[in-house]
Amino acid sequence: MDETGYVLKWFSAFLFTMALEVPIVGALTHRLGKPWPRRLAVALTAQCASHPAVWFIFPALGMAYRDQIIVSELWALLSETLIYFGIFEKLTLPRAFAISLLANGVSYGLGVLSQRYTSLF
């Protein structure tokens, strides 16, 4: 696949991930006293911080595919946890981790299913 095709594939996966994770994070942070747009902006920020590395940095490191997936998903989980914990003052670290785990688990699982049964990305 050429570079343009890979970037387009990433972009469709990025939109897919945002469509799943941003509403999950927004809904699970509703008790923090922040308005909906701010919660969505934080979730979007976390996606922008983690997702490009998963697609562009980790694949370039030359790891076996299984190891790349493990490292990539750990990066997404932990970096997003720290972003949520760092920005939402009332959010505990275990709660931030749980929110990130759920959001990433949903997007990873549905992403795997989507790859298997569609040509979305």
Protein backbone atom coordinates (compact mmCIF):
# COMPACT_ATOMS: atom_id res chain seq x y z
CA MET A 1 0.00 0.00 0.00
CA ASP A 2 1.34 3.45 -0.86
CA GLU A 3 1.73 6.22 1.72
CA THR A 4 -1.43 8.05 0.70
CA GLY A 5 -3.47 4.87 0.94
CA TYR A 6 -2.03 4.15 4.39
CA VAL A 7 -2.84 7.65 5.63
CA LEU A 8 -6.39 7.34 4.34
CA LYS A 9 -6.69 3.95 6.03
CA TRP A 10 -5.43 5.51 9.27
CA PHE A 11 -7.88 8.41 8.95
CA SER A 12 -10.85 6.08 8.56
CA ALA A 13 -9.66 4.10 11.61
CA PHE A 14 -9.18 7.37 13.52
CA LEU A 15 -12.74 8.50 12.74
CA PHE A 16 -14.03 5.05 13.71
CA THR A 17 -12.14 5.20 17.02
CA MET A 18 -13.32 8.73 17.77
CA ALA A 19 -16.92 7.82 16.99
CA LEU A 20 -16.74 5.06 19.59
CA GLU A 21 -14.41 6.34 22.30
CA VAL A 22 -15.32 10.02 22.52
CA PRO A 23 -19.01 9.42 23.44
CA ILE A 24 -18.01 6.68 25.90
CA VAL A 25 -15.57 8.98 27.69
CA GLY A 26 -18.06 11.85 27.56
CA ALA A 27 -20.78 9.72 29.12
CA LEU A 28 -18.55 8.19 31.79
CA THR A 29 -17.26 11.58 32.94
CA HIS A 30 -20.69 13.23 33.29
CA ARG A 31 -20.52 13.37 37.10
CA LEU A 32 -17.37 15.49 37.09
CA GLY A 33 -19.27 18.74 36.77
CA LYS A 34 -17.79 19.65 33.39
CA PRO A 35 -19.97 20.60 30.42
CA TRP A 36 -20.47 18.03 27.66
CA PRO A 37 -18.37 19.97 25.06
CA ARG A 38 -15.39 20.12 27.44
CA ARG A 39 -15.60 16.40 28.18
CA LEU A 40 -15.74 15.63 24.47
CA ALA A 41 -12.79 17.94 23.80
CA VAL A 42 -10.73 16.12 26.43
CA ALA A 43 -11.62 12.75 24.89
CA LEU A 44 -10.74 14.05 21.43
CA THR A 45 -7.43 15.38 22.75
CA ALA A 46 -6.60 11.96 24.17
CA GLN A 47 -7.34 10.35 20.80
CA CYS A 48 -5.15 12.87 18.99
CA ALA A 49 -2.33 12.13 21.42
CA SER A 50 -2.48 8.34 21.22
CA HIS A 51 -3.90 7.19 17.90
CA PRO A 52 -1.25 8.49 15.47
CA ALA A 53 1.51 6.74 17.43
CA VAL A 54 -0.41 3.46 17.23
CA TRP A 55 -0.52 3.71 13.44
CA PHE A 56 2.69 5.53 12.53
CA ILE A 57 5.31 5.07 15.26
CA PHE A 58 4.87 1.56 16.64
CA PRO A 59 4.65 -0.16 13.24
CA ALA A 60 7.97 1.47 12.27
CA LEU A 61 9.79 -0.07 15.25
CA GLY A 62 10.12 -3.47 13.58
CA MET A 63 8.43 -5.51 16.30
CA ALA A 64 6.55 -8.70 15.63
CA TYR A 65 2.91 -7.88 14.88
CA ARG A 66 1.62 -9.36 18.14
CA ASP A 67 4.15 -7.36 20.16
CA GLN A 68 3.31 -4.22 18.21
CA ILE A 69 -0.39 -4.63 19.05
CA ILE A 70 0.36 -5.18 22.74
CA VAL A 71 2.66 -2.15 22.98
CA SER A 72 0.32 0.03 20.91
CA GLU A 73 -2.73 -0.81 22.96
CA LEU A 74 -0.85 -0.33 26.23
CA TRP A 75 0.31 3.07 24.95
CA ALA A 76 -3.26 4.07 24.08
CA LEU A 77 -4.64 2.81 27.39
CA LEU A 78 -2.00 4.43 29.59
CA SER A 79 -1.54 7.70 27.72
CA GLU A 80 -5.30 8.31 27.63
CA THR A 81 -5.58 7.35 31.30
CA LEU A 82 -2.98 9.97 32.20
CA ILE A 83 -4.66 12.62 30.05
CA TYR A 84 -8.04 12.02 31.69
CA PHE A 85 -6.50 11.93 35.16
CA GLY A 86 -4.43 15.05 34.50
CA ILE A 87 -7.24 17.17 33.09
CA PHE A 88 -10.26 16.10 35.13
CA GLU A 89 -9.44 17.29 38.66
CA LYS A 90 -12.10 15.16 40.35
CA LEU A 91 -11.24 11.96 38.50
CA THR A 92 -9.26 9.35 40.43
CA LEU A 93 -6.50 7.42 38.71
CA PRO A 94 -8.33 4.06 38.98
CA ARG A 95 -11.48 5.62 37.50
CA ALA A 96 -9.48 7.24 34.68
CA PHE A 97 -7.90 3.85 33.97
CA ALA A 98 -11.31 2.13 33.95
CA ILE A 99 -12.75 4.70 31.55
CA SER A 100 -9.76 4.36 29.23
CA LEU A 101 -9.87 0.57 29.45
CA LEU A 102 -13.55 0.42 28.55
CA ALA A 103 -13.28 2.94 25.69
CA ASN A 104 -10.18 1.30 24.24
CA GLY A 105 -11.59 -2.18 24.69
CA VAL A 106 -14.74 -1.29 22.78
CA SER A 107 -12.88 0.39 19.92
CA TYR A 108 -10.25 -2.35 19.70
CA GLY A 109 -12.82 -5.14 19.74
CA LEU A 110 -15.12 -3.51 17.21
CA GLY A 111 -12.09 -2.52 15.12
CA VAL A 112 -10.94 -6.15 14.93
CA LEU A 113 -14.45 -7.24 13.94
CA SER A 114 -14.64 -4.47 11.38
CA GLN A 115 -11.30 -5.45 9.84
CA ARG A 116 -12.43 -9.04 9.65
CA TYR A 117 -15.80 -8.43 8.04
CA THR A 118 -15.41 -5.17 6.10
CA SER A 119 -12.79 -3.31 4.12
CA LEU A 120 -13.17 -0.15 6.22
CA PHE A 121 -9.52 -0.14 7.33
